[in-house]
Amino acid sequence: MGVGKNGTADPLAARLAAGDPSAPGELVRRHYAELYRYGAFLLGPGEAEDAVQECFARAFVALGRYPEGRIRALVLRPWLYRILLNVSRNHRRDGRREIAVAEMPEREDGWRGPAREEVMDVLDALASLPERQRTAVTLRYLQGLSYAELSETTGWPVNTCKTLVRRGKARLATRLRSEV
C-alpha cells in the first residue's frame, strides 16, 4: 500500500483501489489547492486551472488502467506532482517557452510579511534557475515535499535531489546578494 508523508499507508489509495465512489472526489479535495499553487508558479495563474484539470484527468485515466495492487502501492501526493510537472512541461513545449512567474496577491488582512518587491525578486531569481534546480527548489521549499517525495515526483535519485536543491539555493543566494 502507498506510504504517505508520515510513513503510514495512505487509506485514500486503498479506497481508490477498492473502487470507493467517493474516493476520486476526496483525491481532488485533498490535493487541488496545492497543485494549483504549483501550477500557477510553473505556468502562471491563467494556465494553472487547465493544467490541474488535465493532471486530474490523466490521473483518473491512469487509475482506470492500473491493477488494484498498483493503486494500493501509490504514494498519491508525489504521483500527482509528477503528473502536473509533465503536464506543465507539455504546456511550455507546446506554447510559450518563457515561464510566467505568478503575481503575489495583495493582502488585506494586515499581514506584515516581506515587501511585495522582495517576494517578486525571489520569484524572479527562482525563475532564472536551470529547470532541474528550479523544480527541485520549488517542490522542496514552496510545496513542502520531502526529499523522498521529491525523488518520487521527479524520478531523480534522492542524492541528486539534495544536490539540485543545494546548488539551486546557492545560485539563488548569489543572485539575490548581487541585486541588493
N, C-alpha and C. Protein backbone atom coordinates (compact mmCIF):
# COMPACT_ATOMS: atom_id res chain seq x y z
N MET A 1 0.84 -1.18 0.00
CA MET A 1 0.00 0.00 0.00
C MET A 1 0.88 1.24 0.00
N GLY A 2 0.42 2.32 -0.62
CA GLY A 2 1.20 3.55 -0.67
C GLY A 2 1.49 4.07 0.72
N VAL A 3 2.66 4.61 0.90
CA VAL A 3 3.05 5.14 2.20
C VAL A 3 3.05 6.65 2.11
N GLY A 4 2.35 7.28 3.01
CA GLY A 4 2.21 8.73 2.99
C GLY A 4 3.36 9.44 3.65
N LYS A 5 3.22 10.75 3.83
CA LYS A 5 4.25 11.64 4.34
C LYS A 5 4.74 11.21 5.73
N ASN A 6 3.84 10.70 6.55
CA ASN A 6 4.21 10.32 7.91
C ASN A 6 4.65 8.87 8.03
N GLY A 7 4.85 8.17 6.91
CA GLY A 7 5.34 6.81 6.92
C GLY A 7 4.26 5.75 7.06
N THR A 8 3.00 6.16 7.09
CA THR A 8 1.91 5.20 7.20
C THR A 8 1.23 5.02 5.85
N ALA A 9 0.52 3.91 5.73
CA ALA A 9 -0.19 3.62 4.49
C ALA A 9 -1.26 4.68 4.24
N ASP A 10 -1.44 5.03 2.98
CA ASP A 10 -2.43 6.04 2.62
C ASP A 10 -3.79 5.35 2.41
N PRO A 11 -4.73 5.59 3.32
CA PRO A 11 -6.03 4.94 3.18
C PRO A 11 -6.78 5.37 1.91
N LEU A 12 -6.48 6.56 1.40
CA LEU A 12 -7.15 7.01 0.17
C LEU A 12 -6.74 6.14 -1.02
N ALA A 13 -5.49 5.73 -1.07
CA ALA A 13 -5.04 4.83 -2.15
C ALA A 13 -5.80 3.52 -2.06
N ALA A 14 -6.01 3.02 -0.85
CA ALA A 14 -6.77 1.77 -0.67
C ALA A 14 -8.22 1.95 -1.11
N ARG A 15 -8.79 3.11 -0.78
CA ARG A 15 -10.18 3.38 -1.19
C ARG A 15 -10.30 3.48 -2.71
N LEU A 16 -9.31 4.12 -3.34
CA LEU A 16 -9.31 4.20 -4.81
C LEU A 16 -9.18 2.81 -5.41
N ALA A 17 -8.31 1.98 -4.84
CA ALA A 17 -8.12 0.62 -5.36
C ALA A 17 -9.38 -0.22 -5.20
N ALA A 18 -10.11 0.02 -4.12
CA ALA A 18 -11.33 -0.75 -3.86
C ALA A 18 -12.53 -0.25 -4.66
N GLY A 19 -12.35 0.87 -5.34
CA GLY A 19 -13.45 1.40 -6.16
C GLY A 19 -14.45 2.22 -5.39
N ASP A 20 -14.08 2.76 -4.24
CA ASP A 20 -14.96 3.62 -3.45
C ASP A 20 -15.36 4.82 -4.30
N PRO A 21 -16.68 5.01 -4.55
CA PRO A 21 -17.10 6.10 -5.44
C PRO A 21 -16.83 7.51 -4.89
N SER A 22 -16.59 7.64 -3.59
CA SER A 22 -16.30 8.97 -3.03
C SER A 22 -14.79 9.27 -3.04
N ALA A 23 -13.96 8.27 -3.32
CA ALA A 23 -12.50 8.45 -3.26
C ALA A 23 -11.97 9.45 -4.30
N PRO A 24 -12.43 9.42 -5.56
CA PRO A 24 -11.90 10.41 -6.51
C PRO A 24 -12.18 11.85 -6.09
N GLY A 25 -13.37 12.12 -5.57
CA GLY A 25 -13.67 13.46 -5.08
C GLY A 25 -12.78 13.86 -3.93
N GLU A 26 -12.50 12.92 -3.04
CA GLU A 26 -11.60 13.17 -1.92
C GLU A 26 -10.19 13.46 -2.42
N LEU A 27 -9.75 12.73 -3.44
CA LEU A 27 -8.42 12.96 -4.02
C LEU A 27 -8.31 14.40 -4.52
N VAL A 28 -9.33 14.87 -5.22
CA VAL A 28 -9.33 16.24 -5.74
C VAL A 28 -9.37 17.23 -4.58
N ARG A 29 -10.26 17.02 -3.61
CA ARG A 29 -10.36 17.95 -2.47
C ARG A 29 -9.05 18.04 -1.70
N ARG A 30 -8.39 16.91 -1.53
CA ARG A 30 -7.18 16.87 -0.73
C ARG A 30 -6.00 17.57 -1.42
N HIS A 31 -5.91 17.47 -2.75
CA HIS A 31 -4.70 17.92 -3.42
C HIS A 31 -4.87 19.10 -4.38
N TYR A 32 -6.09 19.52 -4.65
CA TYR A 32 -6.32 20.55 -5.67
C TYR A 32 -5.56 21.85 -5.37
N ALA A 33 -5.73 22.38 -4.16
CA ALA A 33 -5.18 23.70 -3.84
C ALA A 33 -3.65 23.73 -3.98
N GLU A 34 -2.98 22.72 -3.45
CA GLU A 34 -1.52 22.74 -3.54
C GLU A 34 -1.04 22.52 -4.97
N LEU A 35 -1.75 21.69 -5.73
CA LEU A 35 -1.39 21.51 -7.13
C LEU A 35 -1.63 22.79 -7.93
N TYR A 36 -2.71 23.49 -7.61
CA TYR A 36 -2.99 24.75 -8.30
C TYR A 36 -1.88 25.76 -8.02
N ARG A 37 -1.46 25.87 -6.74
CA ARG A 37 -0.37 26.81 -6.41
C ARG A 37 0.88 26.48 -7.20
N TYR A 38 1.21 25.20 -7.28
CA TYR A 38 2.40 24.80 -8.02
C TYR A 38 2.22 25.07 -9.51
N GLY A 39 1.05 24.76 -10.05
CA GLY A 39 0.77 25.03 -11.46
C GLY A 39 0.82 26.51 -11.77
N ALA A 40 0.34 27.34 -10.85
CA ALA A 40 0.37 28.79 -11.04
C ALA A 40 1.81 29.29 -11.06
N PHE A 41 2.66 28.68 -10.24
CA PHE A 41 4.06 29.07 -10.26
C PHE A 41 4.71 28.66 -11.57
N LEU A 42 4.43 27.45 -12.03
CA LEU A 42 5.07 26.95 -13.24
C LEU A 42 4.58 27.64 -14.50
N LEU A 43 3.27 27.87 -14.59
CA LEU A 43 2.67 28.32 -15.84
C LEU A 43 1.99 29.67 -15.76
N GLY A 44 1.80 30.19 -14.57
CA GLY A 44 1.01 31.41 -14.40
C GLY A 44 -0.41 31.03 -14.05
N PRO A 45 -1.11 31.92 -13.36
CA PRO A 45 -2.46 31.60 -12.89
C PRO A 45 -3.44 31.31 -14.03
N GLY A 46 -3.25 31.94 -15.17
CA GLY A 46 -4.17 31.74 -16.29
C GLY A 46 -4.18 30.33 -16.84
N GLU A 47 -3.04 29.66 -16.79
CA GLU A 47 -2.95 28.30 -17.33
C GLU A 47 -2.99 27.23 -16.25
N ALA A 48 -2.88 27.63 -14.99
CA ALA A 48 -2.81 26.66 -13.90
C ALA A 48 -4.09 25.83 -13.80
N GLU A 49 -5.23 26.48 -13.91
CA GLU A 49 -6.51 25.78 -13.80
C GLU A 49 -6.60 24.65 -14.82
N ASP A 50 -6.29 24.96 -16.08
CA ASP A 50 -6.34 23.94 -17.12
C ASP A 50 -5.33 22.82 -16.86
N ALA A 51 -4.14 23.19 -16.40
CA ALA A 51 -3.09 22.20 -16.15
C ALA A 51 -3.50 21.26 -15.02
N VAL A 52 -4.08 21.79 -13.96
CA VAL A 52 -4.50 20.95 -12.83
C VAL A 52 -5.66 20.05 -13.26
N GLN A 53 -6.58 20.58 -14.03
CA GLN A 53 -7.68 19.74 -14.51
C GLN A 53 -7.15 18.61 -15.40
N GLU A 54 -6.20 18.94 -16.26
CA GLU A 54 -5.59 17.91 -17.10
C GLU A 54 -4.84 16.90 -16.25
N CYS A 55 -4.19 17.37 -15.21
CA CYS A 55 -3.47 16.49 -14.28
C CYS A 55 -4.44 15.47 -13.68
N PHE A 56 -5.56 15.94 -13.16
CA PHE A 56 -6.52 15.01 -12.56
C PHE A 56 -7.14 14.10 -13.61
N ALA A 57 -7.40 14.62 -14.79
CA ALA A 57 -7.94 13.77 -15.85
C ALA A 57 -6.98 12.64 -16.18
N ARG A 58 -5.69 12.97 -16.31
CA ARG A 58 -4.69 11.94 -16.59
C ARG A 58 -4.59 10.95 -15.43
N ALA A 59 -4.68 11.47 -14.21
CA ALA A 59 -4.61 10.59 -13.04
C ALA A 59 -5.77 9.59 -13.05
N PHE A 60 -6.97 10.07 -13.34
CA PHE A 60 -8.12 9.18 -13.31
C PHE A 60 -8.07 8.16 -14.45
N VAL A 61 -7.56 8.58 -15.61
CA VAL A 61 -7.38 7.62 -16.70
C VAL A 61 -6.38 6.54 -16.28
N ALA A 62 -5.28 6.97 -15.67
CA ALA A 62 -4.27 6.01 -15.22
C ALA A 62 -4.85 5.07 -14.16
N LEU A 63 -5.60 5.61 -13.22
CA LEU A 63 -6.19 4.78 -12.19
C LEU A 63 -7.14 3.75 -12.78
N GLY A 64 -7.82 4.13 -13.86
CA GLY A 64 -8.72 3.19 -14.52
C GLY A 64 -7.98 2.05 -15.21
N ARG A 65 -6.72 2.26 -15.52
CA ARG A 65 -5.92 1.24 -16.22
C ARG A 65 -5.06 0.41 -15.27
N TYR A 66 -4.72 0.96 -14.10
CA TYR A 66 -3.82 0.27 -13.18
C TYR A 66 -4.54 -0.89 -12.50
N PRO A 67 -3.80 -1.97 -12.24
CA PRO A 67 -4.38 -3.04 -11.42
C PRO A 67 -4.51 -2.58 -9.97
N GLU A 68 -5.35 -3.24 -9.23
CA GLU A 68 -5.64 -2.85 -7.85
C GLU A 68 -4.37 -2.77 -6.99
N GLY A 69 -3.48 -3.71 -7.15
CA GLY A 69 -2.24 -3.71 -6.35
C GLY A 69 -1.38 -2.49 -6.60
N ARG A 70 -1.32 -2.06 -7.86
CA ARG A 70 -0.51 -0.88 -8.18
C ARG A 70 -1.13 0.38 -7.57
N ILE A 71 -2.46 0.47 -7.59
CA ILE A 71 -3.13 1.63 -7.00
C ILE A 71 -2.88 1.67 -5.50
N ARG A 72 -2.98 0.51 -4.84
CA ARG A 72 -2.73 0.46 -3.40
C ARG A 72 -1.30 0.89 -3.06
N ALA A 73 -0.37 0.63 -3.96
CA ALA A 73 1.04 0.95 -3.72
C ALA A 73 1.38 2.41 -4.01
N LEU A 74 0.46 3.15 -4.63
CA LEU A 74 0.74 4.54 -4.98
C LEU A 74 0.94 5.42 -3.76
N VAL A 75 1.91 6.30 -3.86
CA VAL A 75 2.04 7.40 -2.91
C VAL A 75 1.46 8.59 -3.67
N LEU A 76 0.24 8.95 -3.35
CA LEU A 76 -0.56 9.83 -4.20
C LEU A 76 0.02 11.23 -4.40
N ARG A 77 0.49 11.86 -3.34
CA ARG A 77 0.95 13.24 -3.47
C ARG A 77 2.08 13.39 -4.48
N PRO A 78 3.21 12.68 -4.35
CA PRO A 78 4.27 12.84 -5.36
C PRO A 78 3.85 12.35 -6.73
N TRP A 79 2.98 11.36 -6.78
CA TRP A 79 2.48 10.86 -8.07
C TRP A 79 1.73 11.97 -8.81
N LEU A 80 0.87 12.70 -8.09
CA LEU A 80 0.13 13.81 -8.71
C LEU A 80 1.06 14.96 -9.10
N TYR A 81 2.05 15.26 -8.27
CA TYR A 81 3.02 16.29 -8.62
C TYR A 81 3.78 15.92 -9.90
N ARG A 82 4.12 14.65 -10.03
CA ARG A 82 4.83 14.21 -11.23
C ARG A 82 3.95 14.40 -12.47
N ILE A 83 2.68 14.05 -12.36
CA ILE A 83 1.77 14.23 -13.48
C ILE A 83 1.68 15.71 -13.83
N LEU A 84 1.50 16.58 -12.82
CA LEU A 84 1.40 18.02 -13.08
C LEU A 84 2.68 18.57 -13.68
N LEU A 85 3.81 18.11 -13.20
CA LEU A 85 5.09 18.55 -13.76
C LEU A 85 5.17 18.19 -15.24
N ASN A 86 4.77 16.98 -15.59
CA ASN A 86 4.77 16.57 -17.00
C ASN A 86 3.76 17.37 -17.83
N VAL A 87 2.59 17.62 -17.27
CA VAL A 87 1.59 18.44 -17.97
C VAL A 87 2.14 19.84 -18.22
N SER A 88 2.78 20.42 -17.20
CA SER A 88 3.29 21.79 -17.36
C SER A 88 4.43 21.83 -18.37
N ARG A 89 5.27 20.80 -18.39
CA ARG A 89 6.33 20.75 -19.40
C ARG A 89 5.72 20.67 -20.80
N ASN A 90 4.67 19.89 -20.95
CA ASN A 90 3.99 19.81 -22.25
C ASN A 90 3.37 21.15 -22.64
N HIS A 91 2.78 21.84 -21.69
CA HIS A 91 2.20 23.16 -21.97
C HIS A 91 3.27 24.12 -22.43
N ARG A 92 4.42 24.11 -21.73
CA ARG A 92 5.51 25.02 -22.12
C ARG A 92 6.07 24.64 -23.48
N ARG A 93 6.20 23.35 -23.73
CA ARG A 93 6.76 22.88 -25.00
C ARG A 93 5.81 23.25 -26.16
N ASP A 94 4.52 23.11 -25.93
CA ASP A 94 3.54 23.38 -26.97
C ASP A 94 3.28 24.87 -27.16
N GLY A 95 3.47 25.63 -26.11
CA GLY A 95 3.14 27.06 -26.16
C GLY A 95 4.36 27.91 -25.99
N ARG A 96 4.29 28.76 -25.03
CA ARG A 96 5.39 29.70 -24.83
C ARG A 96 6.55 29.02 -24.11
N ARG A 97 7.73 29.52 -24.36
CA ARG A 97 8.96 28.97 -23.76
C ARG A 97 9.25 29.62 -22.41
N GLU A 98 8.84 30.85 -22.24
CA GLU A 98 9.16 31.58 -21.02
C GLU A 98 8.24 31.15 -19.90
N ILE A 99 8.78 31.05 -18.72
CA ILE A 99 8.00 30.65 -17.56
C ILE A 99 7.42 31.91 -16.93
N ALA A 100 6.11 31.91 -16.78
CA ALA A 100 5.46 33.05 -16.14
C ALA A 100 5.60 32.89 -14.64
N VAL A 101 5.95 33.96 -13.96
CA VAL A 101 6.03 33.94 -12.51
C VAL A 101 4.74 34.54 -11.99
N ALA A 102 4.07 33.81 -11.13
CA ALA A 102 2.78 34.25 -10.61
C ALA A 102 2.93 35.54 -9.82
N GLU A 103 1.97 36.41 -9.97
CA GLU A 103 1.95 37.65 -9.20
C GLU A 103 1.51 37.34 -7.77
N MET A 104 2.10 38.04 -6.81
CA MET A 104 1.69 37.91 -5.42
C MET A 104 0.38 38.67 -5.25
N PRO A 105 -0.64 38.03 -4.69
CA PRO A 105 -1.88 38.76 -4.46
C PRO A 105 -1.71 39.79 -3.35
N GLU A 106 -2.47 40.86 -3.43
CA GLU A 106 -2.44 41.87 -2.38
C GLU A 106 -3.07 41.29 -1.13
N ARG A 107 -2.50 41.59 0.04
CA ARG A 107 -3.04 41.10 1.31
C ARG A 107 -3.87 42.19 1.95
N GLU A 108 -5.07 41.86 2.37
CA GLU A 108 -5.94 42.82 3.03
C GLU A 108 -6.10 42.51 4.51
N ASP A 109 -5.44 41.48 5.00
CA ASP A 109 -5.65 41.06 6.38
C ASP A 109 -4.61 41.62 7.35
N GLY A 110 -3.79 42.56 6.91
CA GLY A 110 -2.83 43.19 7.79
C GLY A 110 -1.54 42.42 7.99
N TRP A 111 -1.36 41.33 7.28
CA TRP A 111 -0.15 40.53 7.42
C TRP A 111 1.06 41.36 7.04
N ARG A 112 2.09 41.30 7.84
CA ARG A 112 3.29 42.09 7.61
C ARG A 112 4.45 41.16 7.25
N GLY A 113 4.41 40.63 6.07
CA GLY A 113 5.48 39.77 5.58
C GLY A 113 6.46 40.59 4.77
N PRO A 114 7.27 39.93 3.96
CA PRO A 114 8.22 40.66 3.13
C PRO A 114 7.48 41.57 2.15
N ALA A 115 8.14 42.64 1.77
CA ALA A 115 7.56 43.56 0.81
C ALA A 115 7.32 42.83 -0.51
N ARG A 116 6.31 43.25 -1.21
CA ARG A 116 5.96 42.64 -2.49
C ARG A 116 7.16 42.60 -3.44
N GLU A 117 7.94 43.67 -3.46
CA GLU A 117 9.10 43.73 -4.35
C GLU A 117 10.13 42.66 -3.99
N GLU A 118 10.32 42.43 -2.68
CA GLU A 118 11.26 41.41 -2.24
C GLU A 118 10.80 40.02 -2.68
N VAL A 119 9.52 39.76 -2.53
CA VAL A 119 8.96 38.46 -2.93
C VAL A 119 9.12 38.29 -4.44
N MET A 120 8.83 39.34 -5.19
CA MET A 120 8.94 39.24 -6.65
C MET A 120 10.39 39.04 -7.07
N ASP A 121 11.34 39.66 -6.34
CA ASP A 121 12.76 39.44 -6.63
C ASP A 121 13.13 37.98 -6.43
N VAL A 122 12.64 37.38 -5.35
CA VAL A 122 12.92 35.97 -5.08
C VAL A 122 12.30 35.10 -6.17
N LEU A 123 11.05 35.38 -6.54
CA LEU A 123 10.40 34.59 -7.58
C LEU A 123 11.10 34.74 -8.92
N ASP A 124 11.53 35.95 -9.25
CA ASP A 124 12.28 36.16 -10.49
C ASP A 124 13.60 35.39 -10.47
N ALA A 125 14.29 35.43 -9.32
CA ALA A 125 15.56 34.69 -9.19
C ALA A 125 15.30 33.20 -9.32
N LEU A 126 14.24 32.72 -8.73
CA LEU A 126 13.89 31.31 -8.82
C LEU A 126 13.59 30.92 -10.27
N ALA A 127 12.87 31.78 -10.98
CA ALA A 127 12.55 31.50 -12.38
C ALA A 127 13.79 31.48 -13.26
N SER A 128 14.87 32.11 -12.82
CA SER A 128 16.09 32.15 -13.63
C SER A 128 16.96 30.90 -13.46
N LEU A 129 16.64 30.06 -12.48
CA LEU A 129 17.43 28.85 -12.26
C LEU A 129 17.25 27.88 -13.42
N PRO A 130 18.25 27.03 -13.66
CA PRO A 130 18.05 25.95 -14.64
C PRO A 130 16.84 25.10 -14.21
N GLU A 131 16.15 24.51 -15.17
CA GLU A 131 14.88 23.84 -14.90
C GLU A 131 14.96 22.81 -13.77
N ARG A 132 15.97 21.97 -13.78
CA ARG A 132 16.04 20.93 -12.75
C ARG A 132 16.24 21.52 -11.35
N GLN A 133 17.06 22.55 -11.24
CA GLN A 133 17.25 23.20 -9.94
C GLN A 133 15.97 23.92 -9.51
N ARG A 134 15.33 24.61 -10.45
CA ARG A 134 14.08 25.31 -10.15
C ARG A 134 13.03 24.33 -9.68
N THR A 135 12.90 23.21 -10.36
CA THR A 135 11.92 22.20 -9.99
C THR A 135 12.21 21.67 -8.59
N ALA A 136 13.47 21.33 -8.33
CA ALA A 136 13.85 20.77 -7.03
C ALA A 136 13.60 21.76 -5.90
N VAL A 137 14.04 23.00 -6.07
CA VAL A 137 13.87 24.01 -5.01
C VAL A 137 12.39 24.32 -4.79
N THR A 138 11.64 24.45 -5.86
CA THR A 138 10.21 24.76 -5.74
C THR A 138 9.46 23.65 -5.03
N LEU A 139 9.69 22.41 -5.45
CA LEU A 139 8.98 21.30 -4.82
C LEU A 139 9.39 21.14 -3.35
N ARG A 140 10.65 21.38 -3.06
CA ARG A 140 11.14 21.21 -1.69
C ARG A 140 10.65 22.32 -0.77
N TYR A 141 10.79 23.57 -1.19
CA TYR A 141 10.53 24.68 -0.28
C TYR A 141 9.19 25.37 -0.47
N LEU A 142 8.70 25.48 -1.68
CA LEU A 142 7.41 26.13 -1.87
C LEU A 142 6.26 25.14 -1.70
N GLN A 143 6.48 23.89 -2.06
CA GLN A 143 5.42 22.89 -1.95
C GLN A 143 5.59 21.98 -0.74
N GLY A 144 6.75 22.02 -0.10
CA GLY A 144 6.95 21.28 1.14
C GLY A 144 7.14 19.78 0.98
N LEU A 145 7.58 19.33 -0.18
CA LEU A 145 7.81 17.90 -0.36
C LEU A 145 9.10 17.49 0.34
N SER A 146 9.09 16.31 0.91
CA SER A 146 10.32 15.76 1.49
C SER A 146 11.23 15.37 0.33
N TYR A 147 12.50 15.05 0.65
CA TYR A 147 13.40 14.61 -0.41
C TYR A 147 12.92 13.31 -1.03
N ALA A 148 12.34 12.42 -0.22
CA ALA A 148 11.82 11.16 -0.75
C ALA A 148 10.66 11.44 -1.72
N GLU A 149 9.76 12.36 -1.35
CA GLU A 149 8.65 12.71 -2.23
C GLU A 149 9.15 13.41 -3.49
N LEU A 150 10.14 14.28 -3.32
CA LEU A 150 10.73 14.97 -4.46
C LEU A 150 11.32 13.94 -5.43
N SER A 151 12.02 12.96 -4.89
CA SER A 151 12.61 11.90 -5.71
C SER A 151 11.54 11.12 -6.45
N GLU A 152 10.49 10.78 -5.74
CA GLU A 152 9.39 10.03 -6.38
C GLU A 152 8.70 10.87 -7.45
N THR A 153 8.54 12.15 -7.19
CA THR A 153 7.88 13.04 -8.14
C THR A 153 8.68 13.19 -9.43
N THR A 154 9.98 13.39 -9.29
CA THR A 154 10.81 13.70 -10.45
C THR A 154 11.44 12.47 -11.09
N GLY A 155 11.57 11.40 -10.31
CA GLY A 155 12.26 10.22 -10.81
C GLY A 155 13.78 10.30 -10.64
N TRP A 156 14.25 11.36 -9.98
CA TRP A 156 15.68 11.52 -9.74
C TRP A 156 16.03 10.83 -8.42
N PRO A 157 17.25 10.32 -8.30
CA PRO A 157 17.67 9.75 -7.02
C PRO A 157 17.64 10.81 -5.91
N VAL A 158 17.45 10.37 -4.68
CA VAL A 158 17.36 11.29 -3.54
C VAL A 158 18.61 12.17 -3.46
N ASN A 159 19.79 11.59 -3.64
CA ASN A 159 21.02 12.39 -3.55
C ASN A 159 21.09 13.43 -4.66
N THR A 160 20.58 13.11 -5.84
CA THR A 160 20.53 14.09 -6.92
C THR A 160 19.60 15.24 -6.52
N CYS A 161 18.46 14.90 -5.92
CA CYS A 161 17.53 15.93 -5.46
C CYS A 161 18.20 16.86 -4.45
N LYS A 162 18.91 16.27 -3.50
CA LYS A 162 19.60 17.07 -2.48
C LYS A 162 20.64 17.98 -3.13
N THR A 163 21.39 17.46 -4.09
CA THR A 163 22.40 18.25 -4.78
C THR A 163 21.76 19.40 -5.55
N LEU A 164 20.68 19.11 -6.27
CA LEU A 164 19.99 20.15 -7.05
C LEU A 164 19.44 21.24 -6.13
N VAL A 165 18.88 20.85 -5.00
CA VAL A 165 18.36 21.84 -4.05
C VAL A 165 19.50 22.68 -3.50
N ARG A 166 20.58 22.04 -3.10
CA ARG A 166 21.73 22.77 -2.54
C ARG A 166 22.30 23.75 -3.56
N ARG A 167 22.49 23.29 -4.80
CA ARG A 167 23.04 24.18 -5.83
C ARG A 167 22.06 25.29 -6.19
N GLY A 168 20.78 24.95 -6.25
CA GLY A 168 19.77 25.96 -6.55
C GLY A 168 19.72 27.04 -5.48
N LYS A 169 19.78 26.63 -4.21
CA LYS A 169 19.79 27.60 -3.11
C LYS A 169 21.03 28.48 -3.19
N ALA A 170 22.17 27.89 -3.53
CA ALA A 170 23.41 28.68 -3.64
C ALA A 170 23.28 29.70 -4.76
N ARG A 171 22.74 29.30 -5.91
CA ARG A 171 22.55 30.26 -7.01
C ARG A 171 21.58 31.36 -6.63
N LEU A 172 20.50 30.98 -5.95
CA LEU A 172 19.53 31.99 -5.50
C LEU A 172 20.20 33.00 -4.57
N ALA A 173 20.98 32.50 -3.62
CA ALA A 173 21.65 33.40 -2.67
C ALA A 173 22.60 34.34 -3.39
N THR A 174 23.36 33.80 -4.33
CA THR A 174 24.30 34.63 -5.09
C THR A 174 23.56 35.69 -5.88
N ARG A 175 22.50 35.29 -6.56
CA ARG A 175 21.73 36.23 -7.38
C ARG A 175 21.08 37.30 -6.52
N LEU A 176 20.50 36.90 -5.40
CA LEU A 176 19.82 37.86 -4.55
C LEU A 176 20.80 38.81 -3.87
N ARG A 177 21.99 38.34 -3.51
CA ARG A 177 23.00 39.23 -2.94
C ARG A 177 23.46 40.26 -3.97
N SER A 178 23.55 39.85 -5.23
CA SER A 178 24.02 40.77 -6.27
C SER A 178 22.97 41.84 -6.58
N GLU A 179 21.71 41.57 -6.25
CA GLU A 179 20.65 42.54 -6.53
C GLU A 179 20.48 43.54 -5.42
N VAL A 180 21.11 43.31 -4.27
CA VAL A 180 20.94 44.22 -3.12
C VAL A 180 21.78 45.45 -3.26
